[in-house]
Amino acid sequence: MKSIAIYEDLKNKIIELAKEGKLTCEQAHQLAEAEGVSLIIIGKVAKEAGVRICDCQLGCFGKYKER
């Protein structure tokens, strides 16, 4: 049961951080480090919460579009 509480806490933190349903890649990294979980977990919980990851630090998902 403890894992369900941790999941719900993480989900609530993601929703709280998300602006207009989006969480930046940087925020995801910071949250993962602060909570001691992998980015995979952050991504899965965000997806289940309907939150999208944006502004990828690697340039994925259109952050650095060619001009």
Protein backbone atom coordinates (compact mmCIF):
# COMPACT_ATOMS: atom_id res chain seq x y z
CA MET A 1 0.00 0.00 0.00
CA LYS A 2 2.95 2.32 0.58
CA SER A 3 3.80 2.23 -3.14
CA ILE A 4 0.28 3.45 -4.03
CA ALA A 5 0.70 6.43 -1.69
CA ILE A 6 4.10 7.22 -3.24
CA TYR A 7 2.59 6.97 -6.74
CA GLU A 8 -0.28 9.31 -5.82
CA ASP A 9 2.12 11.77 -4.22
CA LEU A 10 4.31 11.77 -7.32
CA LYS A 11 1.28 12.14 -9.58
CA ASN A 12 0.06 15.12 -7.57
CA LYS A 13 3.49 16.77 -7.74
CA ILE A 14 3.60 16.32 -11.51
CA ILE A 15 0.11 17.80 -11.93
CA GLU A 16 1.03 20.70 -9.66
CA LEU A 17 4.19 21.47 -11.65
CA ALA A 18 2.55 21.08 -15.05
CA LYS A 19 1.48 24.26 -16.80
CA GLU A 20 -1.39 23.73 -19.23
CA GLY A 21 -0.86 19.97 -19.00
CA LYS A 22 2.85 20.17 -19.84
CA LEU A 23 5.93 19.44 -17.78
CA THR A 24 9.30 20.57 -19.08
CA CYS A 25 12.09 18.07 -19.48
CA GLU A 26 14.13 20.07 -16.97
CA GLN A 27 11.30 19.88 -14.42
CA ALA A 28 11.05 16.11 -15.00
CA HIS A 29 14.79 15.71 -14.35
CA GLN A 30 14.63 17.82 -11.19
CA LEU A 31 11.61 15.97 -9.85
CA ALA A 32 13.17 12.57 -10.56
CA GLU A 33 16.31 13.57 -8.68
CA ALA A 34 14.38 15.09 -5.77
CA GLU A 35 12.13 12.04 -5.41
CA GLY A 36 14.85 9.46 -6.03
CA VAL A 37 13.07 7.83 -8.96
CA SER A 38 14.05 7.24 -12.57
CA LEU A 39 12.96 9.41 -15.47
CA ILE A 40 11.10 6.37 -16.79
CA ILE A 41 8.85 6.46 -13.71
CA ILE A 42 8.31 10.21 -14.10
CA GLY A 43 7.37 9.69 -17.75
CA LYS A 44 4.96 6.85 -17.00
CA VAL A 45 3.23 8.69 -14.17
CA ALA A 46 3.03 11.88 -16.23
CA LYS A 47 1.48 9.98 -19.13
CA GLU A 48 -1.08 8.34 -16.84
CA ALA A 49 -1.90 11.79 -15.41
CA GLY A 50 -2.42 13.20 -18.90
CA VAL A 51 0.65 15.43 -18.64
CA ARG A 52 3.00 15.76 -21.60
CA ILE A 53 6.75 16.28 -21.42
CA CYS A 54 7.88 19.32 -23.42
CA ASP A 55 11.01 21.38 -24.13
CA CYS A 56 13.28 18.36 -24.37
CA GLN A 57 16.85 19.22 -23.45
CA LEU A 58 18.10 17.02 -26.30
CA GLY A 59 16.06 18.91 -28.86
CA CYS A 60 13.46 16.19 -29.35
CA PHE A 61 9.80 17.09 -29.82
CA GLY A 62 10.53 20.27 -31.76
CA LYS A 63 12.26 22.43 -29.15
CA TYR A 64 15.03 23.41 -31.55
CA LYS A 65 13.39 23.59 -34.95
CA GLU A 66 15.53 24.25 -37.98
CA ARG A 67 14.97 27.63 -39.57
